[in-house]
Amino acid sequence: MRAAARHSHPLDKSFCQALADTAANTLIEVKHECRRVNLYRSQFSPLLTPAERASYYASFDASEVTKEIEDLLWAEVIVLVFPTWWFGPPAILKGWFDRFGRLASRTTTRPILAPFSRVCIGYGKWSR
C-alpha cells in the first residue's frame, strides 16, 4: 500500500507528533510505502495570495505544490494526524484542504484527495 501521511502540529514534542511517528513507523514496518510531511516543517503556506485569487478561475502555477500533488495522486491512502483546536483542524490544515481538496485537473472529475481513507485526530484536555 502507498500512504501519504500528513501531520499538522507546530510542536515536535506533542501527542500528535507521537501519533504521526507511530503511524508512519508502523506503515513502514509492515512493508508499506509512506511519504510523510509535517505541514509546519515543510513551510507550507495556507494563504491565498492576491495573485492566486485574481487568477482563481484560470490556470494556475502549480510549481510550488507539484511535489504534494504528485504524492497525493501516488497515494492509495492518506493519513492525516492533527489536533482539534476551536472545534476544527489547525488553519494550516484547513488551507491544505482548500488547496488540495479540488479536482486533479479541469478535464477530470477525480479529486486530488480521492483516496482519502484514514484520519487520526489527537484530543487533549484543558490545562490550568
N, C-alpha and C. Protein backbone atom coordinates (compact mmCIF):
# COMPACT_ATOMS: atom_id res chain seq x y z
N MET A 1 0.85 -1.17 0.00
CA MET A 1 0.00 0.00 0.00
C MET A 1 0.89 1.24 0.00
N ARG A 2 0.44 2.26 -0.69
CA ARG A 2 1.16 3.54 -0.73
C ARG A 2 0.38 4.56 0.10
N ALA A 3 1.04 5.10 1.12
CA ALA A 3 0.39 6.04 2.03
C ALA A 3 1.08 7.39 2.01
N ALA A 4 0.27 8.44 1.94
CA ALA A 4 0.76 9.81 2.11
C ALA A 4 0.30 10.24 3.50
N ALA A 5 1.25 10.44 4.40
CA ALA A 5 0.92 10.82 5.77
C ALA A 5 1.20 12.31 5.94
N ARG A 6 0.19 13.04 6.40
CA ARG A 6 0.33 14.48 6.62
C ARG A 6 0.01 14.79 8.07
N HIS A 7 0.89 15.58 8.68
CA HIS A 7 0.82 15.88 10.11
C HIS A 7 0.82 17.39 10.27
N SER A 8 -0.06 17.90 11.13
CA SER A 8 -0.08 19.35 11.32
C SER A 8 -0.19 19.70 12.81
N HIS A 9 0.95 19.82 13.43
CA HIS A 9 1.06 20.31 14.79
C HIS A 9 2.40 21.04 14.88
N PRO A 10 2.43 22.24 15.46
CA PRO A 10 3.66 23.03 15.45
C PRO A 10 4.75 22.54 16.40
N LEU A 11 4.41 21.71 17.38
CA LEU A 11 5.40 21.28 18.37
C LEU A 11 5.94 19.89 18.06
N ASP A 12 7.26 19.74 18.17
CA ASP A 12 7.88 18.44 17.95
C ASP A 12 7.57 17.46 19.07
N LYS A 13 7.39 17.97 20.28
CA LYS A 13 7.07 17.11 21.42
C LYS A 13 5.60 17.28 21.77
N SER A 14 4.76 16.57 21.03
CA SER A 14 3.32 16.65 21.25
C SER A 14 2.72 15.26 21.07
N PHE A 15 1.51 15.09 21.56
CA PHE A 15 0.79 13.84 21.38
C PHE A 15 0.59 13.55 19.89
N CYS A 16 0.26 14.58 19.13
CA CYS A 16 0.07 14.40 17.68
C CYS A 16 1.36 13.96 17.00
N GLN A 17 2.49 14.50 17.44
CA GLN A 17 3.77 14.07 16.87
C GLN A 17 4.00 12.60 17.15
N ALA A 18 3.70 12.16 18.37
CA ALA A 18 3.85 10.75 18.72
C ALA A 18 2.93 9.88 17.87
N LEU A 19 1.70 10.33 17.65
CA LEU A 19 0.77 9.58 16.79
C LEU A 19 1.28 9.51 15.36
N ALA A 20 1.78 10.62 14.85
CA ALA A 20 2.30 10.66 13.48
C ALA A 20 3.51 9.73 13.33
N ASP A 21 4.40 9.76 14.33
CA ASP A 21 5.57 8.88 14.31
C ASP A 21 5.14 7.41 14.31
N THR A 22 4.20 7.08 15.19
CA THR A 22 3.72 5.70 15.29
C THR A 22 3.05 5.25 14.00
N ALA A 23 2.21 6.09 13.43
CA ALA A 23 1.52 5.73 12.19
C ALA A 23 2.52 5.49 11.06
N ALA A 24 3.45 6.40 10.86
CA ALA A 24 4.43 6.26 9.77
C ALA A 24 5.35 5.06 10.00
N ASN A 25 5.84 4.91 11.23
CA ASN A 25 6.73 3.79 11.52
C ASN A 25 6.03 2.44 11.36
N THR A 26 4.77 2.37 11.77
CA THR A 26 4.02 1.12 11.63
C THR A 26 3.79 0.79 10.17
N LEU A 27 3.44 1.77 9.37
CA LEU A 27 3.27 1.54 7.94
C LEU A 27 4.55 0.98 7.32
N ILE A 28 5.67 1.57 7.67
CA ILE A 28 6.96 1.13 7.13
C ILE A 28 7.32 -0.27 7.63
N GLU A 29 7.06 -0.54 8.92
CA GLU A 29 7.37 -1.85 9.50
C GLU A 29 6.62 -2.98 8.81
N VAL A 30 5.39 -2.72 8.39
CA VAL A 30 4.59 -3.76 7.72
C VAL A 30 4.75 -3.70 6.21
N LYS A 31 5.83 -3.07 5.78
CA LYS A 31 6.27 -3.06 4.37
C LYS A 31 5.39 -2.24 3.42
N HIS A 32 4.75 -1.21 3.95
CA HIS A 32 4.03 -0.27 3.09
C HIS A 32 4.96 0.91 2.80
N GLU A 33 4.70 1.58 1.70
CA GLU A 33 5.46 2.79 1.38
C GLU A 33 4.77 3.97 2.06
N CYS A 34 5.55 4.89 2.58
CA CYS A 34 4.97 6.04 3.28
C CYS A 34 5.76 7.30 2.94
N ARG A 35 5.06 8.27 2.40
CA ARG A 35 5.65 9.59 2.17
C ARG A 35 5.04 10.53 3.21
N ARG A 36 5.89 11.02 4.09
CA ARG A 36 5.41 11.77 5.25
C ARG A 36 5.82 13.24 5.16
N VAL A 37 4.90 14.12 5.54
CA VAL A 37 5.17 15.56 5.55
C VAL A 37 4.53 16.17 6.80
N ASN A 38 5.32 16.96 7.52
CA ASN A 38 4.78 17.80 8.59
C ASN A 38 4.55 19.17 7.94
N LEU A 39 3.31 19.60 7.87
CA LEU A 39 2.98 20.85 7.17
C LEU A 39 3.71 22.05 7.76
N TYR A 40 3.93 22.06 9.07
CA TYR A 40 4.66 23.18 9.68
C TYR A 40 6.13 23.18 9.28
N ARG A 41 6.77 22.02 9.32
CA ARG A 41 8.19 21.95 8.96
C ARG A 41 8.41 22.17 7.47
N SER A 42 7.43 21.84 6.66
CA SER A 42 7.59 21.96 5.21
C SER A 42 7.44 23.40 4.73
N GLN A 43 7.09 24.30 5.62
CA GLN A 43 6.87 25.71 5.27
C GLN A 43 5.70 25.87 4.31
N PHE A 44 4.73 24.94 4.35
CA PHE A 44 3.54 25.05 3.52
C PHE A 44 2.80 26.33 3.89
N SER A 45 2.39 27.09 2.90
CA SER A 45 1.64 28.32 3.16
C SER A 45 0.16 28.10 2.85
N PRO A 46 -0.70 28.24 3.86
CA PRO A 46 -2.13 28.07 3.62
C PRO A 46 -2.80 29.33 3.06
N LEU A 47 -2.02 30.39 2.87
CA LEU A 47 -2.59 31.67 2.45
C LEU A 47 -2.92 31.70 0.96
N LEU A 48 -4.05 32.28 0.64
CA LEU A 48 -4.42 32.55 -0.74
C LEU A 48 -3.90 33.96 -1.05
N THR A 49 -2.93 34.04 -1.94
CA THR A 49 -2.32 35.34 -2.25
C THR A 49 -3.24 36.14 -3.17
N PRO A 50 -3.05 37.47 -3.23
CA PRO A 50 -3.85 38.28 -4.16
C PRO A 50 -3.73 37.80 -5.61
N ALA A 51 -2.53 37.42 -6.02
CA ALA A 51 -2.34 36.94 -7.41
C ALA A 51 -3.10 35.64 -7.65
N GLU A 52 -3.10 34.74 -6.65
CA GLU A 52 -3.84 33.49 -6.79
C GLU A 52 -5.34 33.75 -6.87
N ARG A 53 -5.82 34.68 -6.06
CA ARG A 53 -7.25 34.99 -6.08
C ARG A 53 -7.65 35.63 -7.40
N ALA A 54 -6.81 36.51 -7.93
CA ALA A 54 -7.11 37.19 -9.19
C ALA A 54 -7.20 36.20 -10.35
N SER A 55 -6.44 35.11 -10.27
CA SER A 55 -6.46 34.11 -11.35
C SER A 55 -7.15 32.82 -10.92
N TYR A 56 -8.08 32.92 -9.98
CA TYR A 56 -8.72 31.75 -9.37
C TYR A 56 -9.36 30.82 -10.40
N TYR A 57 -10.02 31.36 -11.40
CA TYR A 57 -10.73 30.54 -12.38
C TYR A 57 -9.91 30.25 -13.62
N ALA A 58 -8.68 30.68 -13.64
CA ALA A 58 -7.79 30.43 -14.78
C ALA A 58 -6.80 29.33 -14.39
N SER A 59 -5.95 28.98 -15.31
CA SER A 59 -4.88 28.03 -14.99
C SER A 59 -4.00 28.64 -13.91
N PHE A 60 -3.42 27.79 -13.09
CA PHE A 60 -2.59 28.32 -12.01
C PHE A 60 -1.19 27.73 -12.09
N ASP A 61 -0.25 28.43 -11.50
CA ASP A 61 1.13 27.99 -11.44
C ASP A 61 1.25 26.97 -10.31
N ALA A 62 1.39 25.72 -10.66
CA ALA A 62 1.44 24.65 -9.66
C ALA A 62 2.85 24.30 -9.23
N SER A 63 3.83 25.10 -9.63
CA SER A 63 5.23 24.75 -9.34
C SER A 63 5.51 24.60 -7.85
N GLU A 64 4.84 25.40 -7.02
CA GLU A 64 5.10 25.33 -5.58
C GLU A 64 4.46 24.11 -4.93
N VAL A 65 3.47 23.53 -5.58
CA VAL A 65 2.74 22.41 -4.97
C VAL A 65 2.83 21.13 -5.79
N THR A 66 3.67 21.11 -6.82
CA THR A 66 3.77 19.95 -7.70
C THR A 66 4.12 18.68 -6.93
N LYS A 67 5.10 18.75 -6.03
CA LYS A 67 5.51 17.56 -5.27
C LYS A 67 4.35 17.03 -4.43
N GLU A 68 3.60 17.92 -3.80
CA GLU A 68 2.46 17.50 -2.98
C GLU A 68 1.39 16.85 -3.84
N ILE A 69 1.09 17.43 -4.98
CA ILE A 69 0.10 16.85 -5.89
C ILE A 69 0.55 15.47 -6.35
N GLU A 70 1.82 15.34 -6.70
CA GLU A 70 2.35 14.04 -7.12
C GLU A 70 2.21 13.00 -6.00
N ASP A 71 2.52 13.39 -4.76
CA ASP A 71 2.38 12.47 -3.63
C ASP A 71 0.93 12.04 -3.45
N LEU A 72 0.00 12.98 -3.55
CA LEU A 72 -1.41 12.66 -3.32
C LEU A 72 -1.97 11.78 -4.43
N LEU A 73 -1.57 12.01 -5.66
CA LEU A 73 -2.02 11.17 -6.76
C LEU A 73 -1.37 9.79 -6.70
N TRP A 74 -0.17 9.70 -6.15
CA TRP A 74 0.55 8.44 -5.97
C TRP A 74 -0.10 7.57 -4.89
N ALA A 75 -0.62 8.21 -3.85
CA ALA A 75 -1.09 7.50 -2.65
C ALA A 75 -2.37 6.72 -2.90
N GLU A 76 -2.44 5.58 -2.22
CA GLU A 76 -3.68 4.81 -2.16
C GLU A 76 -4.46 5.17 -0.90
N VAL A 77 -3.73 5.64 0.10
CA VAL A 77 -4.32 6.01 1.38
C VAL A 77 -3.68 7.31 1.83
N ILE A 78 -4.49 8.18 2.42
CA ILE A 78 -3.97 9.41 3.00
C ILE A 78 -4.22 9.35 4.50
N VAL A 79 -3.17 9.52 5.28
CA VAL A 79 -3.28 9.50 6.73
C VAL A 79 -3.04 10.93 7.22
N LEU A 80 -4.02 11.48 7.92
CA LEU A 80 -3.91 12.84 8.46
C LEU A 80 -3.85 12.75 9.98
N VAL A 81 -2.87 13.39 10.58
CA VAL A 81 -2.77 13.44 12.04
C VAL A 81 -2.75 14.91 12.43
N PHE A 82 -3.74 15.32 13.22
CA PHE A 82 -3.85 16.73 13.60
C PHE A 82 -4.68 16.87 14.87
N PRO A 83 -4.46 17.93 15.62
CA PRO A 83 -5.29 18.20 16.79
C PRO A 83 -6.56 18.93 16.37
N THR A 84 -7.54 18.88 17.25
CA THR A 84 -8.75 19.68 17.03
C THR A 84 -8.65 20.91 17.92
N TRP A 85 -8.58 22.06 17.30
CA TRP A 85 -8.49 23.33 18.03
C TRP A 85 -9.71 24.17 17.67
N TRP A 86 -10.36 24.72 18.65
CA TRP A 86 -11.53 25.57 18.43
C TRP A 86 -12.53 24.88 17.50
N PHE A 87 -12.76 23.59 17.77
CA PHE A 87 -13.77 22.79 17.07
C PHE A 87 -13.43 22.50 15.62
N GLY A 88 -12.17 22.58 15.24
CA GLY A 88 -11.78 22.29 13.87
C GLY A 88 -10.30 22.01 13.76
N PRO A 89 -9.83 21.73 12.55
CA PRO A 89 -8.40 21.47 12.35
C PRO A 89 -7.60 22.76 12.43
N PRO A 90 -6.29 22.66 12.60
CA PRO A 90 -5.44 23.86 12.56
C PRO A 90 -5.60 24.58 11.22
N ALA A 91 -5.42 25.88 11.22
CA ALA A 91 -5.60 26.68 10.00
C ALA A 91 -4.71 26.20 8.86
N ILE A 92 -3.51 25.73 9.19
CA ILE A 92 -2.60 25.26 8.14
C ILE A 92 -3.20 24.05 7.42
N LEU A 93 -3.89 23.18 8.16
CA LEU A 93 -4.52 22.01 7.53
C LEU A 93 -5.77 22.43 6.75
N LYS A 94 -6.50 23.40 7.26
CA LYS A 94 -7.66 23.93 6.51
C LYS A 94 -7.19 24.49 5.18
N GLY A 95 -6.08 25.24 5.18
CA GLY A 95 -5.52 25.76 3.94
C GLY A 95 -5.06 24.65 3.01
N TRP A 96 -4.54 23.56 3.59
CA TRP A 96 -4.12 22.40 2.80
C TRP A 96 -5.32 21.78 2.11
N PHE A 97 -6.44 21.62 2.86
CA PHE A 97 -7.67 21.11 2.25
C PHE A 97 -8.15 22.03 1.13
N ASP A 98 -8.08 23.33 1.36
CA ASP A 98 -8.50 24.29 0.33
C ASP A 98 -7.67 24.14 -0.94
N ARG A 99 -6.38 23.92 -0.79
CA ARG A 99 -5.51 23.79 -1.96
C ARG A 99 -5.63 22.45 -2.66
N PHE A 100 -5.76 21.37 -1.88
CA PHE A 100 -5.69 20.04 -2.48
C PHE A 100 -7.01 19.28 -2.50
N GLY A 101 -8.04 19.84 -1.93
CA GLY A 101 -9.35 19.20 -1.97
C GLY A 101 -10.13 19.63 -3.20
N ARG A 102 -9.44 19.81 -4.29
CA ARG A 102 -10.04 20.25 -5.55
C ARG A 102 -9.79 19.19 -6.60
N LEU A 103 -10.29 19.40 -7.79
CA LEU A 103 -10.08 18.44 -8.86
C LEU A 103 -8.62 18.38 -9.27
N ALA A 104 -8.18 17.19 -9.65
CA ALA A 104 -6.79 17.00 -10.06
C ALA A 104 -6.48 17.81 -11.31
N SER A 105 -7.47 18.01 -12.16
CA SER A 105 -7.32 18.87 -13.34
C SER A 105 -8.70 19.29 -13.82
N ARG A 106 -8.74 20.22 -14.73
CA ARG A 106 -10.03 20.70 -15.23
C ARG A 106 -10.70 19.69 -16.17
N THR A 107 -9.98 18.66 -16.58
CA THR A 107 -10.53 17.69 -17.52
C THR A 107 -10.91 16.37 -16.86
N THR A 108 -10.90 16.33 -15.54
CA THR A 108 -11.25 15.10 -14.83
C THR A 108 -12.22 15.41 -13.70
N THR A 109 -12.96 14.40 -13.29
CA THR A 109 -13.84 14.56 -12.13
C THR A 109 -13.22 13.92 -10.90
N ARG A 110 -11.98 13.46 -11.00
CA ARG A 110 -11.29 12.82 -9.88
C ARG A 110 -10.64 13.88 -8.99
N PRO A 111 -11.10 14.00 -7.75
CA PRO A 111 -10.44 14.94 -6.84
C PRO A 111 -9.04 14.48 -6.50
N ILE A 112 -8.16 15.43 -6.21
CA ILE A 112 -6.81 15.07 -5.79
C ILE A 112 -6.87 14.20 -4.54
N LEU A 113 -7.82 14.47 -3.66
CA LEU A 113 -7.92 13.72 -2.42
C LEU A 113 -8.83 12.50 -2.54
N ALA A 114 -9.01 11.95 -3.73
CA ALA A 114 -9.89 10.80 -3.93
C ALA A 114 -9.56 9.61 -3.04
N PRO A 115 -8.27 9.29 -2.79
CA PRO A 115 -8.01 8.10 -1.97
C PRO A 115 -8.14 8.34 -0.47
N PHE A 116 -8.62 9.51 -0.07
CA PHE A 116 -8.75 9.87 1.34
C PHE A 116 -9.41 8.74 2.12
N SER A 117 -8.70 8.20 3.11
CA SER A 117 -9.19 7.00 3.75
C SER A 117 -9.08 6.97 5.27
N ARG A 118 -8.08 7.59 5.87
CA ARG A 118 -7.88 7.49 7.31
C ARG A 118 -7.61 8.85 7.92
N VAL A 119 -8.16 9.06 9.11
CA VAL A 119 -7.89 10.28 9.85
C VAL A 119 -7.62 9.90 11.30
N CYS A 120 -6.59 10.47 11.87
CA CYS A 120 -6.28 10.28 13.28
C CYS A 120 -6.29 11.65 13.93
N ILE A 121 -7.19 11.88 14.85
CA ILE A 121 -7.34 13.19 15.48
C ILE A 121 -6.88 13.09 16.93
N GLY A 122 -5.98 13.98 17.32
CA GLY A 122 -5.49 13.99 18.70
C GLY A 122 -6.29 14.96 19.55
N TYR A 123 -6.86 14.48 20.62
CA TYR A 123 -7.57 15.33 21.55
C TYR A 123 -6.75 15.48 22.82
N GLY A 124 -6.88 16.61 23.45
CA GLY A 124 -6.18 16.86 24.69
C GLY A 124 -7.17 17.19 25.78
N LYS A 125 -6.67 17.76 26.84
CA LYS A 125 -7.55 18.18 27.92
C LYS A 125 -7.18 19.61 28.29
N TRP A 126 -8.09 20.26 28.95
CA TRP A 126 -7.81 21.61 29.41
C TRP A 126 -6.69 21.56 30.42
N SER A 127 -5.75 22.46 30.32
CA SER A 127 -4.69 22.52 31.32
C SER A 127 -4.80 23.85 32.06
N ARG A 128 -4.47 23.83 33.31
CA ARG A 128 -4.55 25.04 34.12
C ARG A 128 -3.27 25.25 34.87
